[in-house]
């Protein structure tokens, strides 16, 4: 996996953080953390989008963010576990992985566009 795809995964991790923050923030510090997570998430996503196909990057970002948010809510915030919900998340992740596998990066090491 190249560095640009790693940036997409990092951006998705921070997406999960800020989505949870939007739901659970209650004071200055939690809102500050949420805003910082939004800034980091989109900054890293934009950096990855400069080198990779934007449509695929965004689809992977949103898919991973959605799956991560649902799983985090189940694990950390007592959301009800539903087998159908998990099956649909797995289906979503299969689609995201499929997009990543069939996407040609079209980048060369050491080049900037």
N, C-alpha and C. Protein backbone atom coordinates (compact mmCIF):
# COMPACT_ATOMS: atom_id res chain seq x y z
N UNK A 1 0.86 -1.18 0.00
CA UNK A 1 0.00 0.00 0.00
C UNK A 1 0.90 1.23 0.00
N UNK A 2 0.56 2.20 -0.84
CA UNK A 2 1.43 3.38 -0.85
C UNK A 2 0.97 4.42 0.17
N UNK A 3 1.79 5.41 0.34
CA UNK A 3 1.58 6.44 1.37
C UNK A 3 0.26 7.18 1.17
N UNK A 4 -0.14 7.39 -0.07
CA UNK A 4 -1.38 8.14 -0.31
C UNK A 4 -2.61 7.38 0.16
N UNK A 5 -2.62 6.07 0.01
CA UNK A 5 -3.74 5.29 0.54
C UNK A 5 -3.71 5.28 2.06
N UNK A 6 -2.54 5.29 2.64
CA UNK A 6 -2.43 5.39 4.09
C UNK A 6 -3.05 6.70 4.58
N UNK A 7 -2.87 7.77 3.81
CA UNK A 7 -3.49 9.06 4.15
C UNK A 7 -5.00 8.96 4.15
N UNK A 8 -5.56 8.19 3.21
CA UNK A 8 -7.02 8.01 3.17
C UNK A 8 -7.49 7.31 4.44
N UNK A 9 -6.75 6.27 4.87
CA UNK A 9 -7.13 5.55 6.09
C UNK A 9 -7.00 6.45 7.32
N UNK A 10 -5.98 7.29 7.36
CA UNK A 10 -5.82 8.23 8.48
C UNK A 10 -6.97 9.24 8.48
N UNK A 11 -7.31 9.75 7.31
CA UNK A 11 -8.42 10.69 7.20
C UNK A 11 -9.73 10.05 7.66
N UNK A 12 -9.94 8.78 7.31
CA UNK A 12 -11.16 8.08 7.72
C UNK A 12 -11.19 7.88 9.24
N UNK A 13 -10.03 7.60 9.83
CA UNK A 13 -9.96 7.47 11.29
C UNK A 13 -10.40 8.77 11.96
N UNK A 14 -9.89 9.90 11.46
CA UNK A 14 -10.28 11.18 12.06
C UNK A 14 -11.72 11.53 11.74
N UNK A 15 -12.25 11.00 10.61
CA UNK A 15 -13.67 11.20 10.32
C UNK A 15 -14.52 10.53 11.40
N UNK A 16 -14.15 9.31 11.77
CA UNK A 16 -14.87 8.61 12.83
C UNK A 16 -14.83 9.44 14.12
N UNK A 17 -13.66 10.00 14.42
CA UNK A 17 -13.52 10.81 15.64
C UNK A 17 -14.45 12.02 15.61
N UNK A 18 -14.50 12.74 14.48
CA UNK A 18 -15.32 13.95 14.49
C UNK A 18 -16.81 13.64 14.39
N UNK A 19 -17.17 12.55 13.74
CA UNK A 19 -18.59 12.20 13.71
C UNK A 19 -19.07 11.83 15.11
N UNK A 20 -18.27 11.06 15.83
CA UNK A 20 -18.61 10.75 17.22
C UNK A 20 -18.62 12.03 18.05
N UNK A 21 -17.66 12.92 17.78
CA UNK A 21 -17.62 14.19 18.50
C UNK A 21 -18.86 15.04 18.27
N UNK A 22 -19.39 15.04 17.05
CA UNK A 22 -20.61 15.81 16.79
C UNK A 22 -21.78 15.31 17.63
N UNK A 23 -21.79 14.02 17.88
CA UNK A 23 -22.88 13.43 18.67
C UNK A 23 -22.67 13.61 20.17
N UNK A 24 -21.43 13.50 20.62
CA UNK A 24 -21.18 13.40 22.05
C UNK A 24 -20.45 14.60 22.66
N UNK A 25 -20.10 15.62 21.90
CA UNK A 25 -19.41 16.79 22.45
C UNK A 25 -20.37 17.58 23.34
N UNK A 26 -19.83 18.07 24.46
CA UNK A 26 -20.71 18.77 25.41
C UNK A 26 -20.06 20.00 26.05
N UNK A 27 -18.75 20.22 25.85
CA UNK A 27 -18.11 21.40 26.44
C UNK A 27 -17.04 21.92 25.49
N UNK A 28 -16.31 22.93 25.93
CA UNK A 28 -15.31 23.57 25.08
C UNK A 28 -14.27 22.58 24.58
N UNK A 29 -13.77 21.72 25.45
CA UNK A 29 -12.68 20.81 25.08
C UNK A 29 -13.14 19.73 24.12
N UNK A 30 -14.32 19.18 24.33
CA UNK A 30 -14.79 18.15 23.41
C UNK A 30 -15.14 18.74 22.05
N UNK A 31 -15.69 19.96 22.04
CA UNK A 31 -15.97 20.62 20.76
C UNK A 31 -14.67 21.01 20.07
N UNK A 32 -13.67 21.42 20.84
CA UNK A 32 -12.37 21.75 20.25
C UNK A 32 -11.75 20.52 19.60
N UNK A 33 -11.81 19.39 20.28
CA UNK A 33 -11.29 18.15 19.72
C UNK A 33 -12.02 17.75 18.45
N UNK A 34 -13.33 17.96 18.44
CA UNK A 34 -14.13 17.65 17.25
C UNK A 34 -13.71 18.52 16.08
N UNK A 35 -13.53 19.80 16.31
CA UNK A 35 -13.13 20.72 15.25
C UNK A 35 -11.73 20.38 14.74
N UNK A 36 -10.82 20.06 15.63
CA UNK A 36 -9.47 19.67 15.23
C UNK A 36 -9.52 18.39 14.39
N UNK A 37 -10.36 17.43 14.78
CA UNK A 37 -10.49 16.19 14.00
C UNK A 37 -11.05 16.47 12.61
N UNK A 38 -12.00 17.40 12.49
CA UNK A 38 -12.54 17.77 11.17
C UNK A 38 -11.43 18.35 10.30
N UNK A 39 -10.65 19.26 10.86
CA UNK A 39 -9.58 19.91 10.09
C UNK A 39 -8.55 18.88 9.64
N UNK A 40 -8.10 18.02 10.55
CA UNK A 40 -7.11 17.00 10.19
C UNK A 40 -7.67 16.06 9.14
N UNK A 41 -8.90 15.62 9.34
CA UNK A 41 -9.52 14.66 8.42
C UNK A 41 -9.56 15.20 7.00
N UNK A 42 -10.07 16.40 6.83
CA UNK A 42 -10.20 16.94 5.48
C UNK A 42 -8.86 17.37 4.90
N UNK A 43 -7.95 17.83 5.72
CA UNK A 43 -6.62 18.19 5.21
C UNK A 43 -5.91 16.97 4.64
N UNK A 44 -5.92 15.87 5.40
CA UNK A 44 -5.25 14.66 4.95
C UNK A 44 -5.98 14.08 3.73
N UNK A 45 -7.32 14.16 3.72
CA UNK A 45 -8.09 13.68 2.57
C UNK A 45 -7.74 14.47 1.31
N UNK A 46 -7.61 15.77 1.43
CA UNK A 46 -7.25 16.60 0.28
C UNK A 46 -5.84 16.27 -0.21
N UNK A 47 -4.93 16.04 0.72
CA UNK A 47 -3.57 15.65 0.33
C UNK A 47 -3.58 14.34 -0.46
N UNK A 48 -4.37 13.37 -0.03
CA UNK A 48 -4.46 12.10 -0.75
C UNK A 48 -5.12 12.29 -2.10
N UNK A 49 -6.13 13.16 -2.17
CA UNK A 49 -6.85 13.41 -3.41
C UNK A 49 -6.02 14.09 -4.47
N UNK A 50 -4.91 14.71 -4.08
CA UNK A 50 -4.03 15.33 -5.06
C UNK A 50 -3.26 14.29 -5.87
N UNK A 51 -3.10 13.09 -5.33
CA UNK A 51 -2.30 12.05 -5.98
C UNK A 51 -3.12 10.87 -6.48
N UNK A 52 -4.32 10.68 -5.94
CA UNK A 52 -5.15 9.54 -6.28
C UNK A 52 -6.45 10.01 -6.92
N UNK A 53 -7.17 9.13 -7.61
CA UNK A 53 -8.46 9.51 -8.19
C UNK A 53 -9.45 9.96 -7.11
N UNK A 54 -9.94 11.17 -7.25
CA UNK A 54 -10.74 11.79 -6.20
C UNK A 54 -12.02 11.01 -5.91
N UNK A 55 -12.70 10.53 -6.92
CA UNK A 55 -13.94 9.79 -6.70
C UNK A 55 -13.72 8.54 -5.88
N UNK A 56 -12.69 7.81 -6.19
CA UNK A 56 -12.38 6.60 -5.44
C UNK A 56 -11.93 6.93 -4.03
N UNK A 57 -11.11 7.96 -3.90
CA UNK A 57 -10.64 8.38 -2.57
C UNK A 57 -11.83 8.74 -1.69
N UNK A 58 -12.75 9.50 -2.23
CA UNK A 58 -13.89 9.93 -1.42
C UNK A 58 -14.79 8.74 -1.06
N UNK A 59 -15.00 7.83 -2.01
CA UNK A 59 -15.82 6.65 -1.72
C UNK A 59 -15.20 5.79 -0.63
N UNK A 60 -13.89 5.59 -0.69
CA UNK A 60 -13.19 4.80 0.33
C UNK A 60 -13.26 5.53 1.67
N UNK A 61 -13.03 6.82 1.66
CA UNK A 61 -13.08 7.65 2.88
C UNK A 61 -14.45 7.53 3.56
N UNK A 62 -15.50 7.72 2.80
CA UNK A 62 -16.85 7.68 3.37
C UNK A 62 -17.21 6.27 3.82
N UNK A 63 -16.84 5.26 3.03
CA UNK A 63 -17.14 3.88 3.41
C UNK A 63 -16.45 3.47 4.69
N UNK A 64 -15.16 3.78 4.78
CA UNK A 64 -14.43 3.45 6.02
C UNK A 64 -14.94 4.26 7.21
N UNK A 65 -15.26 5.51 6.97
CA UNK A 65 -15.80 6.35 8.05
C UNK A 65 -17.14 5.84 8.55
N UNK A 66 -17.99 5.42 7.62
CA UNK A 66 -19.29 4.88 8.00
C UNK A 66 -19.14 3.60 8.80
N UNK A 67 -18.32 2.69 8.29
CA UNK A 67 -18.10 1.41 8.99
C UNK A 67 -17.48 1.66 10.36
N UNK A 68 -16.50 2.53 10.43
CA UNK A 68 -15.85 2.83 11.69
C UNK A 68 -16.78 3.46 12.70
N UNK A 69 -17.63 4.35 12.23
CA UNK A 69 -18.57 5.01 13.13
C UNK A 69 -19.58 4.02 13.69
N UNK A 70 -20.13 3.17 12.83
CA UNK A 70 -21.10 2.19 13.30
C UNK A 70 -20.46 1.23 14.31
N UNK A 71 -19.27 0.73 13.98
CA UNK A 71 -18.59 -0.19 14.89
C UNK A 71 -18.22 0.49 16.20
N UNK A 72 -17.77 1.74 16.15
CA UNK A 72 -17.43 2.48 17.37
C UNK A 72 -18.65 2.70 18.25
N UNK A 73 -19.77 3.02 17.64
CA UNK A 73 -20.99 3.21 18.42
C UNK A 73 -21.40 1.93 19.12
N UNK A 74 -21.24 0.79 18.44
CA UNK A 74 -21.58 -0.49 19.06
C UNK A 74 -20.62 -0.81 20.20
N UNK A 75 -19.33 -0.62 19.97
CA UNK A 75 -18.32 -1.01 20.95
C UNK A 75 -18.28 -0.06 22.15
N UNK A 76 -18.30 1.25 21.89
CA UNK A 76 -18.06 2.22 22.97
C UNK A 76 -19.32 2.87 23.55
N UNK A 77 -20.42 2.88 22.80
CA UNK A 77 -21.58 3.67 23.23
C UNK A 77 -22.86 2.85 23.32
N UNK A 78 -22.74 1.54 23.46
CA UNK A 78 -23.88 0.65 23.72
C UNK A 78 -24.99 0.72 22.68
N UNK A 79 -24.62 0.98 21.44
CA UNK A 79 -25.59 0.87 20.34
C UNK A 79 -25.96 -0.60 20.21
N UNK A 80 -27.19 -0.88 19.84
CA UNK A 80 -27.61 -2.27 19.75
C UNK A 80 -26.90 -2.99 18.61
N UNK A 81 -26.49 -4.21 18.89
CA UNK A 81 -25.82 -5.05 17.88
C UNK A 81 -26.91 -5.71 17.05
N UNK A 82 -26.81 -5.53 15.74
CA UNK A 82 -27.79 -6.10 14.82
C UNK A 82 -27.03 -6.82 13.72
N UNK A 83 -27.31 -8.10 13.54
CA UNK A 83 -26.59 -8.91 12.56
C UNK A 83 -26.77 -8.34 11.15
N UNK A 84 -27.95 -7.88 10.82
CA UNK A 84 -28.18 -7.32 9.48
C UNK A 84 -27.35 -6.06 9.29
N UNK A 85 -27.26 -5.23 10.31
CA UNK A 85 -26.45 -4.01 10.23
C UNK A 85 -24.98 -4.36 9.98
N UNK A 86 -24.46 -5.35 10.70
CA UNK A 86 -23.06 -5.77 10.53
C UNK A 86 -22.85 -6.37 9.15
N UNK A 87 -23.81 -7.15 8.67
CA UNK A 87 -23.70 -7.74 7.33
C UNK A 87 -23.65 -6.64 6.27
N UNK A 88 -24.44 -5.60 6.43
CA UNK A 88 -24.43 -4.50 5.47
C UNK A 88 -23.12 -3.71 5.55
N UNK A 89 -22.56 -3.56 6.73
CA UNK A 89 -21.25 -2.91 6.87
C UNK A 89 -20.18 -3.74 6.19
N UNK A 90 -20.23 -5.06 6.35
CA UNK A 90 -19.28 -5.94 5.67
C UNK A 90 -19.43 -5.80 4.16
N UNK A 91 -20.66 -5.74 3.67
CA UNK A 91 -20.89 -5.54 2.24
C UNK A 91 -20.31 -4.21 1.77
N UNK A 92 -20.50 -3.17 2.57
CA UNK A 92 -19.93 -1.87 2.26
C UNK A 92 -18.41 -1.94 2.18
N UNK A 93 -17.78 -2.60 3.15
CA UNK A 93 -16.33 -2.73 3.16
C UNK A 93 -15.82 -3.54 1.98
N UNK A 94 -16.57 -4.56 1.57
CA UNK A 94 -16.18 -5.33 0.37
C UNK A 94 -16.18 -4.41 -0.85
N UNK A 95 -17.18 -3.56 -0.96
CA UNK A 95 -17.21 -2.60 -2.06
C UNK A 95 -16.07 -1.61 -2.01
N UNK A 96 -15.74 -1.13 -0.83
CA UNK A 96 -14.63 -0.18 -0.66
C UNK A 96 -13.31 -0.84 -1.04
N UNK A 97 -13.09 -2.06 -0.55
CA UNK A 97 -11.86 -2.79 -0.88
C UNK A 97 -11.81 -3.06 -2.38
N UNK A 98 -12.95 -3.41 -2.97
CA UNK A 98 -13.00 -3.63 -4.41
C UNK A 98 -12.63 -2.38 -5.19
N UNK A 99 -13.13 -1.22 -4.77
CA UNK A 99 -12.76 0.03 -5.44
C UNK A 99 -11.27 0.29 -5.36
N UNK A 100 -10.69 0.04 -4.19
CA UNK A 100 -9.26 0.27 -4.02
C UNK A 100 -8.46 -0.68 -4.89
N UNK A 101 -8.89 -1.93 -4.98
CA UNK A 101 -8.16 -2.94 -5.75
C UNK A 101 -8.18 -2.62 -7.25
N UNK A 102 -9.31 -2.18 -7.77
CA UNK A 102 -9.41 -1.96 -9.21
C UNK A 102 -8.96 -0.58 -9.65
N UNK A 103 -8.63 0.30 -8.71
CA UNK A 103 -8.21 1.65 -9.06
C UNK A 103 -6.72 1.68 -9.37
N UNK A 104 -6.39 2.23 -10.52
CA UNK A 104 -5.00 2.42 -10.92
C UNK A 104 -4.53 3.74 -10.32
N UNK A 105 -3.46 3.68 -9.51
CA UNK A 105 -2.99 4.88 -8.81
C UNK A 105 -2.48 5.96 -9.76
N UNK A 106 -1.87 5.58 -10.85
CA UNK A 106 -1.30 6.53 -11.82
C UNK A 106 -0.33 7.51 -11.19
N UNK A 107 0.43 7.08 -10.20
CA UNK A 107 1.44 7.94 -9.59
C UNK A 107 2.78 7.23 -9.65
N UNK A 108 3.81 8.04 -9.73
CA UNK A 108 5.16 7.50 -9.70
C UNK A 108 5.86 8.06 -8.48
N UNK A 109 6.74 7.27 -7.90
CA UNK A 109 7.47 7.73 -6.73
C UNK A 109 8.32 8.96 -7.09
N UNK A 110 8.25 9.96 -6.25
CA UNK A 110 9.09 11.13 -6.41
C UNK A 110 8.57 12.17 -7.39
N UNK A 111 7.36 11.99 -7.91
CA UNK A 111 6.83 12.98 -8.85
C UNK A 111 5.71 13.75 -8.18
N UNK A 112 5.60 15.00 -8.51
CA UNK A 112 4.52 15.85 -8.04
C UNK A 112 3.76 16.37 -9.24
N UNK A 113 2.47 16.39 -9.15
CA UNK A 113 1.65 16.91 -10.25
C UNK A 113 1.19 18.31 -9.93
